[in-house]
Amino acid sequence: MKLGIISFAHMHAYSYAQAIEKIEGAELIGIADEDEARGKAAAEKLHTTYYADYQELLKQSIDAVIVTSENMKHKEHVVAAAKAGKHVLCEKPLATNVADAEEMIAACRENGVKLQTAFPVRFHPAVRRAKQMVEAGKVGRIMAIRGTNRGKNPGGWFIDRAKSGGGAVIDHTVHVVDLMRWFMGAEVKEVYAEVDNLLCDTPIDDCGILTMEFDNGVYATLDCSWSRNKSFPTWGDVTMEIIGTDGTLSLNTFGQKLDVYNDDKGLTWAYWGDDMDGALVSDFLASIKEGKAPSITGEDGMRAVEVALAAYQSSENKQPVKLG
């Protein structure tokens, strides 16, 4: 299986590249990046070929590409890959608006290639175990879910709305909304949100609280803020508290760690846990090899984006927003 990566703008690009190196029969053929210094540095580090133009990469004999460019460029890169006949794993959020997401999905369908959204958290063993317990009825009928995806302000293009499409809300809503949809097999039907810029000087949303009603009657809340300070041990978290009629299930995807205390750095975390990104890439390649539908589709990515966009609309209008 021969792959390419389009852009190293997103920090996940390196972990996906390292995952390819570990998969038997997989090979990273090349990297395309319009930022020459960044692209050449990545290619040298990963012992592969650098392409200044992603179209040149798409002309190579590769089976698939991983798109890790700035959010606003996802559509351009995914559509081009689809027209070149390459399968696509696209970083989240899938797009910055629904029209772009629909175009990406249609382009991949029309050209007979797979489109998978990069939601690696689905592959965390604790998440998989939680889903099994929910499906087995261990918590009874779900009444409510409280979720968090709090993180550090990543800076760079993430706080440039022209490239990111938004701040913390579009960046951190999609992961947990995807898990909620996946756990329950339900869709969000209404969103109320309060979104603000409270923690950084850049005029972009860095705080957000969402309240969602699902079509199965479940209410859920999500804190998607960039509220972690610079000295916090890691970039953020993904947690869920699932409250049911027969019990409560607590999930912490960054619990596989050791707390390390020292005089110089205070508290740090030594993470020993499972490789979610590696499992995501392995699953993507398996869908290509076995000719099956992606486990996380473009439609899944679009549904999560719809919720984030509804949150922005709700906050602006100070009213709940209905979906569907």
Protein backbone atom coordinates (compact mmCIF):
# COMPACT_ATOMS: atom_id res chain seq x y z
CA MET A 1 0.00 0.00 0.00
CA LYS A 2 1.60 3.25 -1.15
CA LEU A 3 0.57 6.53 0.44
CA GLY A 4 1.25 10.24 0.33
CA ILE A 5 0.59 13.04 2.78
CA ILE A 6 -0.68 16.43 1.64
CA SER A 7 0.63 19.19 3.93
CA PHE A 8 2.29 19.05 7.32
CA ALA A 9 0.32 22.06 8.56
CA HIS A 10 -1.45 19.91 11.15
CA MET A 11 0.52 18.39 14.02
CA HIS A 12 -1.11 14.99 13.47
CA ALA A 13 0.73 14.59 10.17
CA TYR A 14 3.84 13.28 11.91
CA SER A 15 1.96 10.71 13.97
CA TYR A 16 0.15 9.46 10.87
CA ALA A 17 3.46 9.22 9.00
CA GLN A 18 5.02 7.29 11.86
CA ALA A 19 2.01 4.98 11.87
CA ILE A 20 2.58 4.21 8.18
CA GLU A 21 6.18 3.24 8.97
CA LYS A 22 4.97 0.66 11.50
CA ILE A 23 2.38 -1.02 9.26
CA GLU A 24 3.66 -4.00 7.33
CA GLY A 25 3.26 -3.52 3.59
CA ALA A 26 2.63 0.25 3.86
CA GLU A 27 5.02 2.83 2.42
CA LEU A 28 5.07 6.61 2.53
CA ILE A 29 5.97 7.56 -1.06
CA GLY A 30 6.01 11.31 -0.67
CA ILE A 31 5.00 14.52 1.06
CA ALA A 32 3.49 17.56 -0.62
CA ASP A 33 3.63 20.90 1.16
CA GLU A 34 3.46 24.44 -0.18
CA ASP A 35 5.63 25.48 2.77
CA GLU A 36 8.98 24.39 1.34
CA ALA A 37 10.96 24.55 4.56
CA ARG A 38 8.36 22.59 6.50
CA GLY A 39 7.83 20.04 3.73
CA LYS A 40 11.52 19.42 3.10
CA ALA A 41 12.21 19.05 6.81
CA ALA A 42 9.42 16.48 7.13
CA ALA A 43 10.55 14.58 4.04
CA GLU A 44 14.13 14.45 5.28
CA LYS A 45 13.09 13.28 8.73
CA LEU A 46 10.80 10.60 7.28
CA HIS A 47 13.18 9.56 4.48
CA THR A 48 10.75 10.20 1.67
CA THR A 49 10.33 12.52 -1.34
CA TYR A 50 9.23 16.13 -1.10
CA TYR A 51 6.85 17.69 -3.65
CA ALA A 52 6.21 21.43 -3.72
CA ASP A 53 2.97 20.87 -5.68
CA TYR A 54 0.43 18.35 -4.38
CA GLN A 55 -0.69 17.66 -7.94
CA GLU A 56 2.75 16.16 -8.61
CA LEU A 57 2.32 13.87 -5.62
CA LEU A 58 -1.09 12.80 -6.95
CA LYS A 59 0.52 11.83 -10.27
CA GLN A 60 2.65 9.23 -8.48
CA SER A 61 1.74 5.57 -8.22
CA ILE A 62 0.03 5.78 -4.84
CA ASP A 63 -3.15 4.23 -3.50
CA ALA A 64 -4.21 6.90 -1.04
CA VAL A 65 -3.41 10.22 0.60
CA ILE A 66 -3.77 11.61 4.07
CA VAL A 67 -4.86 15.25 4.06
CA THR A 68 -3.53 17.24 7.02
CA SER A 69 -3.65 20.75 5.61
CA GLU A 70 -5.30 23.82 7.09
CA ASN A 71 -9.06 23.33 7.49
CA MET A 72 -9.98 25.74 4.69
CA LYS A 73 -7.86 23.75 2.20
CA HIS A 74 -9.43 20.35 2.91
CA LYS A 75 -11.96 20.64 0.10
CA GLU A 76 -9.39 21.58 -2.52
CA HIS A 77 -7.07 18.73 -1.56
CA VAL A 78 -9.74 16.06 -1.11
CA VAL A 79 -11.51 16.84 -4.38
CA ALA A 80 -8.18 16.82 -6.25
CA ALA A 81 -7.24 13.47 -4.72
CA ALA A 82 -10.63 12.00 -5.60
CA LYS A 83 -10.31 13.13 -9.23
CA ALA A 84 -6.85 11.50 -9.30
CA GLY A 85 -8.40 8.24 -8.12
CA LYS A 86 -6.77 8.23 -4.68
CA HIS A 87 -8.52 7.15 -1.48
CA VAL A 88 -8.54 9.85 1.21
CA LEU A 89 -8.16 10.04 4.97
CA CYS A 90 -8.97 13.66 5.88
CA GLU A 91 -8.12 15.39 9.14
CA LYS A 92 -10.99 16.78 11.19
CA PRO A 93 -12.95 18.99 10.93
CA LEU A 94 -13.82 17.57 7.55
CA ALA A 95 -14.65 21.05 6.22
CA THR A 96 -15.51 24.51 7.47
CA ASN A 97 -19.00 24.56 5.96
CA VAL A 98 -21.59 22.01 4.91
CA ALA A 99 -21.47 22.85 1.20
CA ASP A 100 -17.76 22.02 1.04
CA ALA A 101 -18.29 18.78 2.96
CA GLU A 102 -21.06 17.75 0.56
CA GLU A 103 -18.82 18.49 -2.42
CA MET A 104 -16.00 16.42 -0.95
CA ILE A 105 -18.28 13.48 -0.25
CA ALA A 106 -19.79 13.68 -3.75
CA ALA A 107 -16.38 13.88 -5.45
CA CYS A 108 -15.15 10.76 -3.68
CA ARG A 109 -18.36 8.89 -4.43
CA GLU A 110 -18.34 9.87 -8.11
CA ASN A 111 -14.71 8.82 -8.54
CA GLY A 112 -15.10 5.54 -6.69
CA VAL A 113 -12.67 6.30 -3.86
CA LYS A 114 -13.09 6.06 -0.10
CA LEU A 115 -13.31 9.10 2.14
CA GLN A 116 -12.62 8.56 5.83
CA THR A 117 -12.75 11.28 8.47
CA ALA A 118 -9.88 11.29 10.95
CA PHE A 119 -11.55 10.68 14.31
CA PRO A 120 -8.81 8.62 16.01
CA VAL A 121 -10.48 8.75 19.43
CA ARG A 122 -12.93 6.08 18.25
CA PHE A 123 -10.03 3.61 18.32
CA HIS A 124 -8.98 4.18 21.92
CA PRO A 125 -9.53 0.92 23.88
CA ALA A 126 -11.35 2.75 26.67
CA VAL A 127 -13.70 4.33 24.14
CA ARG A 128 -14.34 0.96 22.49
CA ARG A 129 -15.02 -0.63 25.88
CA ALA A 130 -17.41 2.19 26.80
CA LYS A 131 -19.31 1.70 23.53
CA GLN A 132 -19.58 -2.04 24.21
CA MET A 133 -20.95 -1.36 27.69
CA VAL A 134 -23.49 1.13 26.37
CA GLU A 135 -24.65 -1.27 23.66
CA ALA A 136 -24.87 -4.09 26.22
CA GLY A 137 -27.21 -1.96 28.32
CA LYS A 138 -24.85 -1.73 31.30
CA VAL A 139 -25.98 1.81 32.11
CA GLY A 140 -29.60 1.23 31.12
CA ARG A 141 -31.32 3.90 29.08
CA ILE A 142 -29.07 6.91 28.60
CA MET A 143 -30.53 10.09 30.06
CA ALA A 144 -27.70 12.59 29.61
CA ILE A 145 -24.03 12.92 28.67
CA ARG A 146 -21.47 15.43 29.85
CA GLY A 147 -18.39 15.77 27.66
CA THR A 148 -15.20 17.80 27.51
CA ASN A 149 -12.54 18.41 24.90
CA ARG A 150 -10.54 21.15 26.54
CA GLY A 151 -7.14 22.02 25.20
CA LYS A 152 -4.36 24.55 24.86
CA ASN A 153 -4.64 27.36 22.35
CA PRO A 154 -2.60 25.89 19.46
CA GLY A 155 -1.75 29.26 17.94
CA GLY A 156 -0.49 29.52 14.36
CA TRP A 157 -3.05 29.06 11.59
CA PHE A 158 -5.55 27.62 14.08
CA ILE A 159 -6.28 31.18 15.25
CA ASP A 160 -6.40 32.58 11.72
CA ARG A 161 -10.08 32.33 10.79
CA ALA A 162 -9.28 32.56 7.08
CA LYS A 163 -7.42 29.24 7.35
CA SER A 164 -9.17 27.50 10.24
CA GLY A 165 -12.80 28.53 9.77
CA GLY A 166 -13.11 29.20 13.50
CA GLY A 167 -11.48 28.67 16.84
CA ALA A 168 -12.04 26.30 19.74
CA VAL A 169 -15.63 25.43 18.82
CA ILE A 170 -14.93 24.05 15.35
CA ASP A 171 -11.63 22.57 16.52
CA HIS A 172 -12.87 20.69 19.58
CA THR A 173 -16.59 20.10 19.14
CA VAL A 174 -16.29 17.50 16.42
CA HIS A 175 -14.42 14.73 18.31
CA VAL A 176 -16.86 14.39 21.19
CA VAL A 177 -19.99 14.92 19.08
CA ASP A 178 -18.77 12.08 16.86
CA LEU A 179 -18.40 9.81 19.90
CA MET A 180 -21.86 10.71 21.17
CA ARG A 181 -23.45 9.98 17.78
CA TRP A 182 -21.50 6.72 17.50
CA PHE A 183 -22.33 5.51 20.99
CA MET A 184 -26.06 6.11 20.66
CA GLY A 185 -26.72 5.82 16.93
CA ALA A 186 -28.57 9.11 17.27
CA GLU A 187 -28.39 12.56 15.70
CA VAL A 188 -28.30 16.02 17.26
CA LYS A 189 -31.58 17.79 16.60
CA GLU A 190 -31.05 21.05 18.50
CA VAL A 191 -28.04 23.05 19.72
CA TYR A 192 -27.76 25.92 22.15
CA ALA A 193 -24.31 27.39 22.71
CA GLU A 194 -22.43 30.21 24.38
CA VAL A 195 -19.21 31.05 22.59
CA ASP A 196 -16.71 33.79 23.44
CA ASN A 197 -13.17 35.11 23.29
CA LEU A 198 -12.02 35.30 26.91
CA LEU A 199 -8.52 33.88 27.22
CA CYS A 200 -6.40 35.12 24.32
CA ASP A 201 -5.75 38.46 22.63
CA THR A 202 -6.53 37.15 19.14
CA PRO A 203 -10.17 37.88 18.20
CA ILE A 204 -11.25 34.26 17.81
CA ASP A 205 -13.41 31.99 19.93
CA ASP A 206 -11.41 30.25 22.66
CA CYS A 207 -14.30 29.29 24.95
CA GLY A 208 -17.46 27.37 24.19
CA ILE A 209 -20.19 25.51 26.06
CA LEU A 210 -22.73 23.54 24.01
CA THR A 211 -26.03 22.02 25.10
CA MET A 212 -27.45 19.51 22.64
CA GLU A 213 -30.65 17.54 22.34
CA PHE A 214 -30.47 14.28 20.40
CA ASP A 215 -33.33 12.74 18.47
CA ASN A 216 -33.50 9.90 21.01
CA GLY A 217 -34.33 12.34 23.81
CA VAL A 218 -30.85 12.49 25.35
CA TYR A 219 -29.45 15.83 26.47
CA ALA A 220 -25.71 16.43 26.33
CA THR A 221 -23.30 19.21 27.24
CA LEU A 222 -19.81 19.83 25.92
CA ASP A 223 -17.01 22.11 27.05
CA CYS A 224 -14.86 22.58 23.94
CA SER A 225 -12.70 25.45 25.20
CA TRP A 226 -9.01 26.15 24.73
CA SER A 227 -8.77 26.61 28.49
CA ARG A 228 -5.59 24.65 29.28
CA ASN A 229 -2.70 26.91 30.27
CA LYS A 230 0.77 26.70 28.73
CA SER A 231 2.19 24.68 31.61
CA PHE A 232 -0.54 22.04 31.56
CA PRO A 233 0.99 18.54 31.21
CA THR A 234 -0.61 17.79 27.83
CA TRP A 235 -2.53 19.54 25.08
CA GLY A 236 -5.99 18.72 26.41
CA ASP A 237 -8.48 15.99 27.17
CA VAL A 238 -11.43 13.98 25.90
CA THR A 239 -13.80 12.91 28.66
CA MET A 240 -17.40 11.76 28.85
CA GLU A 241 -19.77 11.03 31.71
CA ILE A 242 -22.68 8.93 30.47
CA ILE A 243 -25.63 8.98 32.86
CA GLY A 244 -28.14 6.18 32.51
CA THR A 245 -31.10 4.74 34.38
CA ASP A 246 -28.94 1.90 35.73
CA GLY A 247 -25.62 3.61 36.30
CA THR A 248 -23.05 6.20 35.30
CA LEU A 249 -20.07 5.50 33.06
CA SER A 250 -16.99 7.75 33.21
CA LEU A 251 -14.55 7.85 30.29
CA ASN A 252 -11.12 9.49 30.21
CA THR A 253 -9.11 8.88 27.05
CA PHE A 254 -5.93 10.33 28.54
CA GLY A 255 -5.96 8.26 31.71
CA GLN A 256 -3.16 5.94 30.54
CA LYS A 257 -0.36 7.98 32.10
CA LEU A 258 1.96 8.39 35.04
CA ASP A 259 2.04 11.62 37.07
CA VAL A 260 5.63 12.81 37.35
CA TYR A 261 6.54 15.55 39.83
CA ASN A 262 9.82 17.49 39.86
CA ASP A 263 11.13 20.81 41.12
CA ASP A 264 11.83 22.30 37.70
CA LYS A 265 8.68 21.45 35.75
CA GLY A 266 6.16 20.73 38.48
CA LEU A 267 3.70 18.13 37.22
CA THR A 268 4.26 16.33 33.92
CA TRP A 269 2.59 13.28 32.43
CA ALA A 270 4.43 10.24 31.13
CA TYR A 271 1.97 8.77 28.64
CA TRP A 272 2.25 5.02 28.20
CA GLY A 273 -1.09 4.43 26.51
CA ASP A 274 -2.41 3.14 23.23
CA ASP A 275 -1.70 4.70 19.84
CA MET A 276 -5.04 6.01 18.56
CA ASP A 277 -3.55 7.61 15.46
CA GLY A 278 -1.86 4.37 14.48
CA ALA A 279 -5.09 2.44 14.88
CA LEU A 280 -6.90 5.00 12.74
CA VAL A 281 -4.42 4.67 9.87
CA SER A 282 -4.47 0.87 10.12
CA ASP A 283 -8.26 0.90 9.91
CA PHE A 284 -8.17 3.19 6.88
CA LEU A 285 -5.73 0.95 5.04
CA ALA A 286 -7.75 -2.15 5.95
CA SER A 287 -10.88 -0.63 4.39
CA ILE A 288 -8.95 -0.12 1.14
CA LYS A 289 -7.37 -3.58 1.16
CA GLU A 290 -10.63 -5.35 2.01
CA GLY A 291 -12.82 -3.20 -0.24
CA LYS A 292 -15.18 -2.23 2.55
CA ALA A 293 -16.76 1.07 3.50
CA PRO A 294 -14.74 3.30 5.85
CA SER A 295 -15.65 2.85 9.50
CA ILE A 296 -15.82 6.64 9.87
CA THR A 297 -17.36 8.14 6.75
CA GLY A 298 -17.35 11.57 5.20
CA GLU A 299 -20.97 11.84 6.31
CA ASP A 300 -19.86 11.28 9.92
CA GLY A 301 -17.42 14.15 9.54
CA MET A 302 -20.09 16.38 8.03
CA ARG A 303 -22.60 15.69 10.82
CA ALA A 304 -20.07 16.76 13.44
CA VAL A 305 -19.30 19.94 11.48
CA GLU A 306 -23.02 20.74 11.31
CA VAL A 307 -23.17 20.78 15.11
CA ALA A 308 -20.16 23.10 15.42
CA LEU A 309 -21.65 25.50 12.86
CA ALA A 310 -25.00 25.42 14.66
CA ALA A 311 -23.18 26.32 17.88
CA TYR A 312 -21.74 29.44 16.26
CA GLN A 313 -25.16 30.39 14.89
CA SER A 314 -26.81 29.82 18.25
CA SER A 315 -24.29 31.93 20.11
CA GLU A 316 -24.61 34.76 17.62
CA ASN A 317 -28.42 34.74 17.68
CA LYS A 318 -28.70 33.82 21.36
CA GLN A 319 -31.28 31.18 20.42
CA PRO A 320 -31.32 27.38 20.05
CA VAL A 321 -30.73 26.15 16.51
CA LYS A 322 -32.56 23.17 15.08
CA LEU A 323 -30.79 20.70 12.78
CA GLY A 324 -32.24 18.50 10.08
